[in-house]
């Protein structure tokens, strides 16, 4: 007949304490990872917005120089900005999903 060997209560207490500590540590790591991911997404969005604005400004200046028509240049820049904004949003969504 086999008899179950009981773990001393101090060892059970240590095992429970270790399990709780591990769970809390995992929770803290997950929260830190989520915060880092949010910060990266925000930085990417800010960088994308800056690139879109720079592209639109460059395109408008180039177009104005070529056709010597500020209204047409503004329209072209607006179209380019909208196009890049859509592409940028899609790229961000794909990257961070």
PDB file of N, CA and C in Angstrom:
ATOM      1  N   UNK A   1       0.841  -1.168   0.000  1.00  0.00           N
ATOM      2  CA  UNK A   1       0.000   0.000   0.000  1.00  0.00           C
ATOM      3  C   UNK A   1       0.892   1.239   0.000  1.00  0.00           C
ATOM      4  N   UNK A   2       0.545   2.159  -0.873  1.00  0.00           N
ATOM      5  CA  UNK A   2       1.341   3.388  -0.991  1.00  0.00           C
ATOM      6  C   UNK A   2       0.727   4.467  -0.123  1.00  0.00           C
ATOM      7  N   UNK A   3       1.588   5.216   0.450  1.00  0.00           N
ATOM      8  CA  UNK A   3       1.151   6.348   1.256  1.00  0.00           C
ATOM      9  C   UNK A   3       1.615   7.626   0.581  1.00  0.00           C
ATOM     10  N   UNK A   4       0.712   8.571   0.506  1.00  0.00           N
ATOM     11  CA  UNK A   4       1.067   9.863  -0.089  1.00  0.00           C
ATOM     12  C   UNK A   4       2.021  10.588   0.846  1.00  0.00           C
ATOM     13  N   UNK A   5       3.042  11.154   0.239  1.00  0.00           N
ATOM     14  CA  UNK A   5       3.989  11.932   1.031  1.00  0.00           C
ATOM     15  C   UNK A   5       3.512  13.375   1.012  1.00  0.00           C
ATOM     16  N   UNK A   6       3.274  13.910   2.161  1.00  0.00           N
ATOM     17  CA  UNK A   6       2.797  15.285   2.240  1.00  0.00           C
ATOM     18  C   UNK A   6       3.977  16.247   2.224  1.00  0.00           C
ATOM     19  N   UNK A   7       3.795  17.314   1.475  1.00  0.00           N
ATOM     20  CA  UNK A   7       4.797  18.359   1.421  1.00  0.00           C
ATOM     21  C   UNK A   7       4.665  19.194   2.691  1.00  0.00           C
ATOM     22  N   UNK A   8       5.778  19.498   3.334  1.00  0.00           N
ATOM     23  CA  UNK A   8       5.685  20.354   4.523  1.00  0.00           C
ATOM     24  C   UNK A   8       5.001  21.678   4.176  1.00  0.00           C
ATOM     25  N   UNK A   9       4.265  22.225   5.116  1.00  0.00           N
ATOM     26  CA  UNK A   9       3.490  23.437   4.844  1.00  0.00           C
ATOM     27  C   UNK A   9       4.366  24.604   4.424  1.00  0.00           C
ATOM     28  N   UNK A  10       5.569  24.701   4.929  1.00  0.00           N
ATOM     29  CA  UNK A  10       6.460  25.804   4.532  1.00  0.00           C
ATOM     30  C   UNK A  10       6.793  25.698   3.047  1.00  0.00           C
ATOM     31  N   UNK A  11       6.954  24.473   2.525  1.00  0.00           N
ATOM     32  CA  UNK A  11       7.261  24.285   1.109  1.00  0.00           C
ATOM     33  C   UNK A  11       6.044  24.609   0.250  1.00  0.00           C
ATOM     34  N   UNK A  12       4.849  24.230   0.725  1.00  0.00           N
ATOM     35  CA  UNK A  12       3.634  24.578  -0.013  1.00  0.00           C
ATOM     36  C   UNK A  12       3.488  26.085  -0.080  1.00  0.00           C
ATOM     37  N   UNK A  13       3.773  26.732   1.021  1.00  0.00           N
ATOM     38  CA  UNK A  13       3.665  28.185   1.094  1.00  0.00           C
ATOM     39  C   UNK A  13       4.629  28.849   0.113  1.00  0.00           C
ATOM     40  N   UNK A  14       5.863  28.329   0.052  1.00  0.00           N
ATOM     41  CA  UNK A  14       6.845  28.867  -0.890  1.00  0.00           C
ATOM     42  C   UNK A  14       6.405  28.643  -2.333  1.00  0.00           C
ATOM     43  N   UNK A  15       5.842  27.499  -2.614  1.00  0.00           N
ATOM     44  CA  UNK A  15       5.386  27.196  -3.979  1.00  0.00           C
ATOM     45  C   UNK A  15       4.252  28.132  -4.379  1.00  0.00           C
ATOM     46  N   UNK A  16       3.334  28.378  -3.470  1.00  0.00           N
ATOM     47  CA  UNK A  16       2.224  29.299  -3.746  1.00  0.00           C
ATOM     48  C   UNK A  16       2.754  30.710  -3.943  1.00  0.00           C
ATOM     49  N   UNK A  17       3.661  31.106  -3.077  1.00  0.00           N
ATOM     50  CA  UNK A  17       4.260  32.443  -3.180  1.00  0.00           C
ATOM     51  C   UNK A  17       4.978  32.619  -4.517  1.00  0.00           C
ATOM     52  N   UNK A  18       5.726  31.575  -4.930  1.00  0.00           N
ATOM     53  CA  UNK A  18       6.440  31.632  -6.217  1.00  0.00           C
ATOM     54  C   UNK A  18       5.459  31.730  -7.382  1.00  0.00           C
ATOM     55  N   UNK A  19       4.370  30.989  -7.314  1.00  0.00           N
ATOM     56  CA  UNK A  19       3.371  31.018  -8.386  1.00  0.00           C
ATOM     57  C   UNK A  19       2.735  32.398  -8.488  1.00  0.00           C
ATOM     58  N   UNK A  20       2.422  32.999  -7.354  1.00  0.00           N
ATOM     59  CA  UNK A  20       1.833  34.347  -7.353  1.00  0.00           C
ATOM     60  C   UNK A  20       2.834  35.356  -7.897  1.00  0.00           C
ATOM     61  N   UNK A  21       4.072  35.246  -7.478  1.00  0.00           N
ATOM     62  CA  UNK A  21       5.122  36.158  -7.950  1.00  0.00           C
ATOM     63  C   UNK A  21       5.306  36.047  -9.461  1.00  0.00           C
ATOM     64  N   UNK A  22       5.319  34.806  -9.972  1.00  0.00           N
ATOM     65  CA  UNK A  22       5.454  34.596 -11.419  1.00  0.00           C
ATOM     66  C   UNK A  22       4.284  35.213 -12.181  1.00  0.00           C
ATOM     67  N   UNK A  23       3.081  35.032 -11.653  1.00  0.00           N
ATOM     68  CA  UNK A  23       1.893  35.583 -12.320  1.00  0.00           C
ATOM     69  C   UNK A  23       1.941  37.103 -12.357  1.00  0.00           C
ATOM     70  N   UNK A  24       2.351  37.717 -11.246  1.00  0.00           N
ATOM     71  CA  UNK A  24       2.442  39.179 -11.203  1.00  0.00           C
ATOM     72  C   UNK A  24       3.521  39.688 -12.148  1.00  0.00           C
ATOM     73  N   UNK A  25       4.636  38.985 -12.209  1.00  0.00           N
ATOM     74  CA  UNK A  25       5.730  39.380 -13.093  1.00  0.00           C
ATOM     75  C   UNK A  25       5.301  39.301 -14.555  1.00  0.00           C
ATOM     76  N   UNK A  26       4.598  38.225 -14.903  1.00  0.00           N
ATOM     77  CA  UNK A  26       4.097  38.062 -16.275  1.00  0.00           C
ATOM     78  C   UNK A  26       3.124  39.174 -16.620  1.00  0.00           C
ATOM     79  N   UNK A  27       2.274  39.512 -15.671  1.00  0.00           N
ATOM     80  CA  UNK A  27       1.296  40.581 -15.872  1.00  0.00           C
ATOM     81  C   UNK A  27       1.992  41.913 -16.120  1.00  0.00           C
ATOM     82  N   UNK A  28       3.008  42.219 -15.328  1.00  0.00           N
ATOM     83  CA  UNK A  28       3.751  43.469 -15.481  1.00  0.00           C
ATOM     84  C   UNK A  28       4.468  43.516 -16.824  1.00  0.00           C
ATOM     85  N   UNK A  29       5.040  42.388 -17.232  1.00  0.00           N
ATOM     86  CA  UNK A  29       5.733  42.322 -18.526  1.00  0.00           C
ATOM     87  C   UNK A  29       4.751  42.540 -19.663  1.00  0.00           C
ATOM     88  N   UNK A  30       3.579  41.928 -19.572  1.00  0.00           N
ATOM     89  CA  UNK A  30       2.564  42.111 -20.617  1.00  0.00           C
ATOM     90  C   UNK A  30       2.130  43.564 -20.716  1.00  0.00           C
ATOM     91  N   UNK A  31       1.943  44.213 -19.572  1.00  0.00           N
ATOM     92  CA  UNK A  31       1.546  45.624 -19.572  1.00  0.00           C
ATOM     93  C   UNK A  31       2.640  46.490 -20.183  1.00  0.00           C
ATOM     94  N   UNK A  32       3.893  46.200 -19.858  1.00  0.00           N
ATOM     95  CA  UNK A  32       5.015  46.969 -20.413  1.00  0.00           C
ATOM     96  C   UNK A  32       5.105  46.760 -21.922  1.00  0.00           C
ATOM     97  N   UNK A  33       4.913  45.529 -22.377  1.00  0.00           N
ATOM     98  CA  UNK A  33       4.941  45.237 -23.819  1.00  0.00           C
ATOM     99  C   UNK A  33       3.840  46.002 -24.556  1.00  0.00           C
ATOM    100  N   UNK A  34       2.648  46.029 -23.968  1.00  0.00           N
ATOM    101  CA  UNK A  34       1.532  46.737 -24.593  1.00  0.00           C
ATOM    102  C   UNK A  34       1.822  48.234 -24.676  1.00  0.00           C
ATOM    103  N   UNK A  35       2.410  48.791 -23.612  1.00  0.00           N
ATOM    104  CA  UNK A  35       2.751  50.217 -23.606  1.00  0.00           C
ATOM    105  C   UNK A  35       3.802  50.512 -24.669  1.00  0.00           C
ATOM    106  N   UNK A  36       4.803  49.646 -24.782  1.00  0.00           N
ATOM    107  CA  UNK A  36       5.844  49.827 -25.804  1.00  0.00           C
ATOM    108  C   UNK A  36       5.250  49.751 -27.205  1.00  0.00           C
ATOM    109  N   UNK A  37       4.363  48.803 -27.418  1.00  0.00           N
ATOM    110  CA  UNK A  37       3.729  48.666 -28.734  1.00  0.00           C
ATOM    111  C   UNK A  37       2.914  49.916 -29.068  1.00  0.00           C
ATOM    112  N   UNK A  38       2.176  50.430 -28.096  1.00  0.00           N
ATOM    113  CA  UNK A  38       1.397  51.657 -28.324  1.00  0.00           C
ATOM    114  C   UNK A  38       2.312  52.823 -28.669  1.00  0.00           C
ATOM    115  N   UNK A  39       3.440  52.931 -27.964  1.00  0.00           N
ATOM    116  CA  UNK A  39       4.389  54.019 -28.233  1.00  0.00           C
ATOM    117  C   UNK A  39       4.977  53.893 -29.638  1.00  0.00           C
ATOM    118  N   UNK A  40       5.303  52.664 -30.050  1.00  0.00           N
ATOM    119  CA  UNK A  40       5.844  52.451 -31.400  1.00  0.00           C
ATOM    120  C   UNK A  40       4.824  52.800 -32.475  1.00  0.00           C
ATOM    121  N   UNK A  41       3.571  52.408 -32.243  1.00  0.00           N
ATOM    122  CA  UNK A  41       2.511  52.721 -33.215  1.00  0.00           C
ATOM    123  C   UNK A  41       2.339  54.235 -33.331  1.00  0.00           C
ATOM    124  N   UNK A  42       2.344  54.930 -32.179  1.00  0.00           N
ATOM    125  CA  UNK A  42       2.204  56.390 -32.200  1.00  0.00           C
ATOM    126  C   UNK A  42       3.380  57.035 -32.927  1.00  0.00           C
ATOM    127  N   UNK A  43       4.593  56.542 -32.673  1.00  0.00           N
ATOM    128  CA  UNK A  43       5.782  57.087 -33.345  1.00  0.00           C
ATOM    129  C   UNK A  43       5.717  56.837 -34.845  1.00  0.00           C
ATOM    130  N   UNK A  44       5.278  55.633 -35.234  1.00  0.00           N
ATOM    131  CA  UNK A  44       5.133  55.323 -36.662  1.00  0.00           C
ATOM    132  C   UNK A  44       4.121  56.259 -37.323  1.00  0.00           C
ATOM    133  N   UNK A  45       2.995  56.477 -36.641  1.00  0.00           N
ATOM    134  CA  UNK A  45       1.959  57.347 -37.200  1.00  0.00           C
ATOM    135  C   UNK A  45       2.470  58.775 -37.346  1.00  0.00           C
ATOM    136  N   UNK A  46       3.230  59.244 -36.349  1.00  0.00           N
ATOM    137  CA  UNK A  46       3.797  60.598 -36.405  1.00  0.00           C
ATOM    138  C   UNK A  46       4.799  60.697 -37.554  1.00  0.00           C
ATOM    139  N   UNK A  47       5.650  59.692 -37.689  1.00  0.00           N
ATOM    140  CA  UNK A  47       6.627  59.682 -38.788  1.00  0.00           C
ATOM    141  C   UNK A  47       5.928  59.648 -40.133  1.00  0.00           C
ATOM    142  N   UNK A  48       4.890  58.823 -40.240  1.00  0.00           N
ATOM    143  CA  UNK A  48       4.152  58.728 -41.504  1.00  0.00           C
ATOM    144  C   UNK A  48       3.504  60.067 -41.853  1.00  0.00           C
ATOM    145  N   UNK A  49       2.921  60.735 -40.849  1.00  0.00           N
ATOM    146  CA  UNK A  49       2.284  62.033 -41.090  1.00  0.00           C
ATOM    147  C   UNK A  49       3.320  63.055 -41.565  1.00  0.00           C
ATOM    148  N   UNK A  50       4.506  63.040 -40.952  1.00  0.00           N
ATOM    149  CA  UNK A  50       5.567  63.968 -41.356  1.00  0.00           C
ATOM    150  C   UNK A  50       6.022  63.684 -42.784  1.00  0.00           C
ATOM    151  N   UNK A  51       6.157  62.396 -43.123  1.00  0.00           N
ATOM    152  CA  UNK A  51       6.558  62.037 -44.486  1.00  0.00           C
ATOM    153  C   UNK A  51       5.507  62.449 -45.508  1.00  0.00           C
ATOM    154  N   UNK A  52       4.238  62.238 -45.149  1.00  0.00           N
ATOM    155  CA  UNK A  52       3.147  62.628 -46.057  1.00  0.00           C
ATOM    156  C   UNK A  52       3.168  64.134 -46.287  1.00  0.00           C
ATOM    157  N   UNK A  53       3.343  64.902 -45.222  1.00  0.00           N
ATOM    158  CA  UNK A  53       3.382  66.362 -45.347  1.00  0.00           C
ATOM    159  C   UNK A  53       4.572  66.797 -46.192  1.00  0.00           C
ATOM    160  N   UNK A  54       5.735  66.181 -45.974  1.00  0.00           N
ATOM    161  CA  UNK A  54       6.927  66.529 -46.756  1.00  0.00           C
ATOM    162  C   UNK A  54       6.732  66.171 -48.224  1.00  0.00           C
ATOM    163  N   UNK A  55       6.145  65.003 -48.485  1.00  0.00           N
ATOM    164  CA  UNK A  55       5.875  64.592 -49.871  1.00  0.00           C
ATOM    165  C   UNK A  55       4.929  65.576 -50.554  1.00  0.00           C
ATOM    166  N   UNK A  56       3.874  65.960 -49.843  1.00  0.00           N
ATOM    167  CA  UNK A  56       2.893  66.878 -50.424  1.00  0.00           C
ATOM    168  C   UNK A  56       3.525  68.229 -50.732  1.00  0.00           C
ATOM    169  N   UNK A  57       4.364  68.713 -49.810  1.00  0.00           N
ATOM    170  CA  UNK A  57       5.031  70.003 -50.015  1.00  0.00           C
ATOM    171  C   UNK A  57       5.988  69.914 -51.202  1.00  0.00           C
ATOM    172  N   UNK A  58       6.763  68.845 -51.261  1.00  0.00           N
ATOM    173  CA  UNK A  58       7.702  68.659 -52.381  1.00  0.00           C
ATOM    174  C   UNK A  58       6.959  68.535 -53.701  1.00  0.00           C
ATOM    175  N   UNK A  59       5.880  67.749 -53.689  1.00  0.00           N
ATOM    176  CA  UNK A  59       5.103  67.563 -54.918  1.00  0.00           C
ATOM    177  C   UNK A  59       4.497  68.878 -55.381  1.00  0.00           C
ATOM    178  N   UNK A  60       3.983  69.650 -54.440  1.00  0.00           N
ATOM    179  CA  UNK A  60       3.372  70.935 -54.811  1.00  0.00           C
ATOM    180  C   UNK A  60       4.419  71.876 -55.395  1.00  0.00           C
ATOM    181  N   UNK A  61       5.583  71.926 -54.762  1.00  0.00           N
ATOM    182  CA  UNK A  61       6.647  72.806 -55.260  1.00  0.00           C
ATOM    183  C   UNK A  61       7.113  72.362 -56.643  1.00  0.00           C
ATOM    184  N   UNK A  62       7.289  71.067 -56.820  1.00  0.00           N
ATOM    185  CA  UNK A  62       7.737  70.541 -58.107  1.00  0.00           C
ATOM    186  C   UNK A  62       6.701  70.803 -59.201  1.00  0.00           C
ATOM    187  N   UNK A  63       5.445  70.508 -58.874  1.00  0.00           N
ATOM    188  CA  UNK A  63       4.366  70.703 -59.837  1.00  0.00           C
ATOM    189  C   UNK A  63       4.233  72.185 -60.199  1.00  0.00           C
ATOM    190  N   UNK A  64       4.333  73.065 -59.209  1.00  0.00           N
ATOM    191  CA  UNK A  64       4.226  74.506 -59.461  1.00  0.00           C
ATOM    192  C   UNK A  64       5.365  74.972 -60.364  1.00  0.00           C
ATOM    193  N   UNK A  65       6.551  74.424 -60.134  1.00  0.00           N
ATOM    194  CA  UNK A  65       7.702  74.809 -60.953  1.00  0.00           C
ATOM    195  C   UNK A  65       7.539  74.334 -62.394  1.00  0.00           C
ATOM    196  N   UNK A  66       6.957  73.155 -62.554  1.00  0.00           N
ATOM    197  CA  UNK A  66       6.802  72.596 -63.905  1.00  0.00           C
ATOM    198  C   UNK A  66       5.692  73.308 -64.675  1.00  0.00           C
ATOM    199  N   UNK A  67       4.526  73.467 -64.057  1.00  0.00           N
ATOM    200  CA  UNK A  67       3.387  74.008 -64.793  1.00  0.00           C
ATOM    201  C   UNK A  67       3.148  75.484 -64.514  1.00  0.00           C
ATOM    202  N   UNK A  68       3.856  76.028 -63.541  1.00  0.00           N
ATOM    203  CA  UNK A  68       3.720  77.437 -63.151  1.00  0.00           C
ATOM    204  C   UNK A  68       2.264  77.787 -62.861  1.00  0.00           C
ATOM    205  N   UNK A  69       1.595  76.908 -62.092  1.00  0.00           N
ATOM    206  CA  UNK A  69       0.190  77.112 -61.746  1.00  0.00           C
ATOM    207  C   UNK A  69      -0.010  76.650 -60.301  1.00  0.00           C
ATOM    208  N   UNK A  70      -0.100  77.628 -59.381  1.00  0.00           N
ATOM    209  CA  UNK A  70      -0.209  77.292 -57.957  1.00  0.00           C
ATOM    210  C   UNK A  70      -1.498  76.538 -57.621  1.00  0.00           C
ATOM    211  N   UNK A  71      -2.607  76.867 -58.277  1.00  0.00           N
ATOM    212  CA  UNK A  71      -3.870  76.167 -58.000  1.00  0.00           C
ATOM    213  C   UNK A  71      -3.788  74.697 -58.404  1.00  0.00           C
ATOM    214  N   UNK A  72      -3.233  74.450 -59.569  1.00  0.00           N
ATOM    215  CA  UNK A  72      -3.083  73.066 -60.020  1.00  0.00           C
ATOM    216  C   UNK A  72      -2.117  72.312 -59.109  1.00  0.00           C
ATOM    217  N   UNK A  73      -1.073  72.999 -58.666  1.00  0.00           N
ATOM    218  CA  UNK A  73      -0.105  72.374 -57.757  1.00  0.00           C
ATOM    219  C   UNK A  73      -0.779  72.003 -56.439  1.00  0.00           C
ATOM    220  N   UNK A  74      -1.613  72.892 -55.916  1.00  0.00           N
ATOM    221  CA  UNK A  74      -2.316  72.622 -54.659  1.00  0.00           C
ATOM    222  C   UNK A  74      -3.260  71.429 -54.812  1.00  0.00           C
ATOM    223  N   UNK A  75      -3.952  71.363 -55.938  1.00  0.00           N
ATOM    224  CA  UNK A  75      -4.862  70.245 -56.189  1.00  0.00           C
ATOM    225  C   UNK A  75      -4.088  68.931 -56.285  1.00  0.00           C
ATOM    226  N   UNK A  76      -2.948  68.968 -56.967  1.00  0.00           N
ATOM    227  CA  UNK A  76      -2.121  67.765 -57.097  1.00  0.00           C
ATOM    228  C   UNK A  76      -1.598  67.327 -55.733  1.00  0.00           C
ATOM    229  N   UNK A  77      -1.167  68.288 -54.921  1.00  0.00           N
ATOM    230  CA  UNK A  77      -0.653  67.969 -53.587  1.00  0.00           C
ATOM    231  C   UNK A  77      -1.747  67.378 -52.712  1.00  0.00           C
ATOM    232  N   UNK A  78      -2.947  67.916 -52.799  1.00  0.00           N
ATOM    233  CA  UNK A  78      -4.066  67.394 -52.002  1.00  0.00           C
ATOM    234  C   UNK A  78      -4.369  65.944 -52.402  1.00  0.00           C
ATOM    235  N   UNK A  79      -4.371  65.679 -53.699  1.00  0.00           N
ATOM    236  CA  UNK A  79      -4.604  64.310 -54.173  1.00  0.00           C
ATOM    237  C   UNK A  79      -3.518  63.357 -53.719  1.00  0.00           C
ATOM    238  N   UNK A  80      -2.271  63.824 -53.788  1.00  0.00           N
ATOM    239  CA  UNK A  80      -1.138  63.000 -53.366  1.00  0.00           C
ATOM    240  C   UNK A  80      -1.215  62.728 -51.868  1.00  0.00           C
ATOM    241  N   UNK A  81      -1.546  63.746 -51.090  1.00  0.00           N
ATOM    242  CA  UNK A  81      -1.655  63.587 -49.638  1.00  0.00           C
ATOM    243  C   UNK A  81      -2.738  62.571 -49.287  1.00  0.00           C
ATOM    244  N   UNK A  82      -3.881  62.674 -49.934  1.00  0.00           N
ATOM    245  CA  UNK A  82      -4.975  61.729 -49.664  1.00  0.00           C
ATOM    246  C   UNK A  82      -4.557  60.303 -50.026  1.00  0.00           C
ATOM    247  N   UNK A  83      -3.884  60.172 -51.150  1.00  0.00           N
ATOM    248  CA  UNK A  83      -3.434  58.858 -51.595  1.00  0.00           C
ATOM    249  C   UNK A  83      -2.414  58.272 -50.622  1.00  0.00           C
ATOM    250  N   UNK A  84      -1.450  59.076 -50.205  1.00  0.00           N
ATOM    251  CA  UNK A  84      -0.430  58.604 -49.271  1.00  0.00           C
ATOM    252  C   UNK A  84      -1.026  58.323 -47.898  1.00  0.00           C
ATOM    253  N   UNK A  85      -1.987  59.127 -47.481  1.00  0.00           N
ATOM    254  CA  UNK A  85      -2.618  58.901 -46.181  1.00  0.00           C
ATOM    255  C   UNK A  85      -3.312  57.544 -46.171  1.00  0.00           C
ATOM    256  N   UNK A  86      -4.004  57.215 -47.247  1.00  0.00           N
ATOM    257  CA  UNK A  86      -4.681  55.914 -47.342  1.00  0.00           C
ATOM    258  C   UNK A  86      -3.666  54.775 -47.338  1.00  0.00           C
ATOM    259  N   UNK A  87      -2.618  54.944 -48.132  1.00  0.00           N
ATOM    260  CA  UNK A  87      -1.583  53.904 -48.194  1.00  0.00           C
ATOM    261  C   UNK A  87      -0.870  53.780 -46.855  1.00  0.00           C
ATOM    262  N   UNK A  88      -0.587  54.918 -46.215  1.00  0.00           N
ATOM    263  CA  UNK A  88       0.083  54.891 -44.911  1.00  0.00           C
ATOM    264  C   UNK A  88      -0.763  54.227 -43.852  1.00  0.00           C
ATOM    265  N   UNK A  89      -2.054  54.533 -43.838  1.00  0.00           N
ATOM    266  CA  UNK A  89      -2.961  53.926 -42.855  1.00  0.00           C
ATOM    267  C   UNK A  89      -3.031  52.417 -43.070  1.00  0.00           C
ATOM    268  N   UNK A  90      -3.098  52.004 -44.333  1.00  0.00           N
ATOM    269  CA  UNK A  90      -3.149  50.568 -44.632  1.00  0.00           C
ATOM    270  C   UNK A  90      -1.855  49.877 -44.213  1.00  0.00           C
ATOM    271  N   UNK A  91      -0.717  50.529 -44.471  1.00  0.00           N
ATOM    272  CA  UNK A  91       0.574  49.937 -44.095  1.00  0.00           C
ATOM    273  C   UNK A  91       0.702  49.832 -42.575  1.00  0.00           C
ATOM    274  N   UNK A  92       0.275  50.875 -41.857  1.00  0.00           N
ATOM    275  CA  UNK A  92       0.326  50.827 -40.387  1.00  0.00           C
ATOM    276  C   UNK A  92      -0.572  49.725 -39.849  1.00  0.00           C
ATOM    277  N   UNK A  93      -1.758  49.612 -40.408  1.00  0.00           N
ATOM    278  CA  UNK A  93      -2.695  48.577 -39.947  1.00  0.00           C
ATOM    279  C   UNK A  93      -2.109  47.188 -40.186  1.00  0.00           C
ATOM    280  N   UNK A  94      -1.497  47.000 -41.345  1.00  0.00           N
ATOM    281  CA  UNK A  94      -0.920  45.690 -41.672  1.00  0.00           C
ATOM    282  C   UNK A  94       0.284  45.387 -40.783  1.00  0.00           C
ATOM    283  N   UNK A  95       1.089  46.412 -40.506  1.00  0.00           N
ATOM    284  CA  UNK A  95       2.300  46.222 -39.700  1.00  0.00           C
ATOM    285  C   UNK A  95       1.979  45.911 -38.254  1.00  0.00           C
ATOM    286  N   UNK A  96       0.957  46.561 -37.717  1.00  0.00           N
ATOM    287  CA  UNK A  96       0.681  46.450 -36.281  1.00  0.00           C
ATOM    288  C   UNK A  96      -0.560  45.647 -35.940  1.00  0.00           C
ATOM    289  N   UNK A  97      -1.000  44.803 -36.871  1.00  0.00           N
ATOM    290  CA  UNK A  97      -2.193  44.003 -36.550  1.00  0.00           C
ATOM    291  C   UNK A  97      -1.801  42.627 -36.075  1.00  0.00           C
TER     292      UNK A  97
END
